[in-house]
Amino acid sequence: MNLIKPVYALITNPVINPDVTNQMQSNPQAFTSNLVQTTISLLMLVAVIFFLLQFITGGLDFISSEGDPEKIKKGRKKLTYAFMGLFIVFAIFAVLKLIGTIFGITGLDTLQLTIPSLK
């Protein structure tokens, strides 16, 4: 004799789109590849924004130095480090793409820089 009937429920996350969950279950390799590309694109975007902030503040330090050699040195150092950081970020991107191409790692061999946008 069953007094309590079993109740079955599907637990879903309302934030995550159901298509994402279906893609994750049906083709995990494509999902992982897409996740890696999106993460790298977002990190590149953050790096470029940080570069722009450093470039602007370094330029302002350089311009507002009023001939003070210490402030000029500080502004020049900030500009130099900003450009070096940007170069390193794009070099890392190139190395990841090269590794993906050489070893045939899916997701890294088709790595592209895309600007994230709202749909």
Protein backbone atom coordinates (compact mmCIF):
# COMPACT_ATOMS: atom_id res chain seq x y z
CA MET A 1 0.00 0.00 0.00
CA ASN A 2 1.44 3.32 -1.15
CA LEU A 3 0.28 6.28 0.89
CA ILE A 4 2.64 8.77 -0.70
CA LYS A 5 3.05 8.95 -4.44
CA PRO A 6 6.53 9.78 -5.70
CA VAL A 7 6.87 13.26 -7.14
CA TYR A 8 9.34 13.91 -9.90
CA ALA A 9 10.61 17.39 -10.67
CA LEU A 10 13.00 18.87 -13.14
CA ILE A 11 15.36 21.30 -11.47
CA THR A 12 16.51 24.06 -13.78
CA ASN A 13 18.47 27.22 -13.34
CA PRO A 14 16.36 30.17 -14.54
CA VAL A 15 19.49 32.21 -15.29
CA ILE A 16 21.02 29.72 -17.71
CA ASN A 17 19.36 29.45 -21.08
CA PRO A 18 17.99 25.90 -21.67
CA ASP A 19 19.72 25.86 -25.06
CA VAL A 20 23.07 26.09 -23.28
CA THR A 21 22.22 23.11 -21.10
CA ASN A 22 21.08 21.11 -24.14
CA GLN A 23 24.28 22.01 -26.02
CA MET A 24 26.35 21.04 -22.99
CA GLN A 25 24.70 17.62 -22.86
CA SER A 26 24.58 16.94 -26.60
CA ASN A 27 28.04 18.19 -27.65
CA PRO A 28 30.33 18.91 -24.69
CA GLN A 29 33.37 19.42 -26.94
CA ALA A 30 31.68 22.27 -28.86
CA PHE A 31 30.43 23.75 -25.59
CA THR A 32 33.93 23.71 -24.08
CA SER A 33 35.40 25.22 -27.23
CA ASN A 34 32.81 28.00 -27.17
CA LEU A 35 33.44 28.58 -23.46
CA VAL A 36 37.21 28.86 -23.99
CA GLN A 37 36.77 31.29 -26.89
CA THR A 38 34.32 33.43 -24.93
CA THR A 39 36.57 33.49 -21.87
CA ILE A 40 39.63 34.48 -23.89
CA SER A 41 37.67 37.18 -25.71
CA LEU A 42 36.44 38.63 -22.43
CA LEU A 43 39.93 38.56 -20.93
CA MET A 44 41.29 40.32 -24.02
CA LEU A 45 38.57 42.95 -23.68
CA VAL A 46 39.46 43.52 -20.03
CA ALA A 47 43.16 43.77 -20.96
CA VAL A 48 42.45 46.37 -23.66
CA ILE A 49 40.28 48.42 -21.29
CA PHE A 50 43.04 48.28 -18.67
CA PHE A 51 45.55 49.33 -21.33
CA LEU A 52 43.40 52.32 -22.26
CA LEU A 53 43.11 53.39 -18.62
CA GLN A 54 46.86 53.09 -18.10
CA PHE A 55 47.54 54.89 -21.38
CA ILE A 56 45.26 57.79 -20.43
CA THR A 57 46.62 58.14 -16.89
CA GLY A 58 50.22 57.82 -18.13
CA GLY A 59 49.56 60.48 -20.76
CA LEU A 60 47.99 62.76 -18.16
CA ASP A 61 50.95 62.23 -15.83
CA PHE A 62 53.31 63.02 -18.70
CA ILE A 63 51.40 66.14 -19.78
CA SER A 64 50.85 67.49 -16.27
CA SER A 65 54.48 67.01 -15.23
CA GLU A 66 55.24 70.74 -15.60
CA GLY A 67 58.84 69.95 -16.45
CA ASP A 68 59.46 67.91 -13.28
CA PRO A 69 61.84 65.10 -14.35
CA GLU A 70 60.42 62.71 -11.74
CA LYS A 71 56.83 63.12 -13.03
CA ILE A 72 57.99 62.80 -16.64
CA LYS A 73 59.79 59.58 -15.71
CA LYS A 74 56.67 58.30 -13.91
CA GLY A 75 54.43 59.06 -16.92
CA ARG A 76 56.87 57.54 -19.40
CA LYS A 77 57.21 54.41 -17.26
CA LYS A 78 53.43 54.03 -17.08
CA LEU A 79 53.10 54.39 -20.86
CA THR A 80 55.92 51.90 -21.45
CA TYR A 81 54.41 49.32 -19.11
CA ALA A 82 50.97 49.76 -20.68
CA PHE A 83 52.33 49.02 -24.17
CA MET A 84 54.43 46.12 -22.89
CA GLY A 85 51.36 44.62 -21.18
CA LEU A 86 49.28 44.94 -24.32
CA PHE A 87 52.03 43.32 -26.37
CA ILE A 88 52.28 40.44 -23.87
CA VAL A 89 48.51 39.86 -23.94
CA PHE A 90 48.43 39.65 -27.74
CA ALA A 91 51.57 37.48 -27.73
CA ILE A 92 49.84 35.04 -25.36
CA PHE A 93 46.86 34.98 -27.73
CA ALA A 94 49.18 34.19 -30.66
CA VAL A 95 50.95 31.43 -28.70
CA LEU A 96 47.61 29.84 -27.72
CA LYS A 97 46.50 29.88 -31.34
CA LEU A 98 49.85 28.40 -32.44
CA ILE A 99 49.63 25.63 -29.83
CA GLY A 100 46.08 24.86 -30.93
CA THR A 101 47.13 24.67 -34.57
CA ILE A 102 50.23 22.53 -33.98
CA PHE A 103 48.64 20.04 -31.59
CA GLY A 104 45.17 20.13 -33.16
CA ILE A 105 43.40 21.20 -29.99
CA THR A 106 39.86 22.04 -30.99
CA GLY A 107 38.88 25.41 -29.69
CA LEU A 108 42.39 26.78 -29.75
CA ASP A 109 43.02 26.16 -33.44
CA THR A 110 39.90 28.13 -34.40
CA LEU A 111 40.47 30.83 -31.80
CA GLN A 112 39.28 34.23 -32.99
CA LEU A 113 39.13 37.66 -31.48
CA THR A 114 35.53 38.73 -31.35
CA ILE A 115 34.20 41.80 -29.68
CA PRO A 116 31.47 40.79 -27.23
CA SER A 117 28.18 42.54 -27.86
CA LEU A 118 24.69 42.53 -26.48
CA LYS A 119 22.13 40.92 -28.73
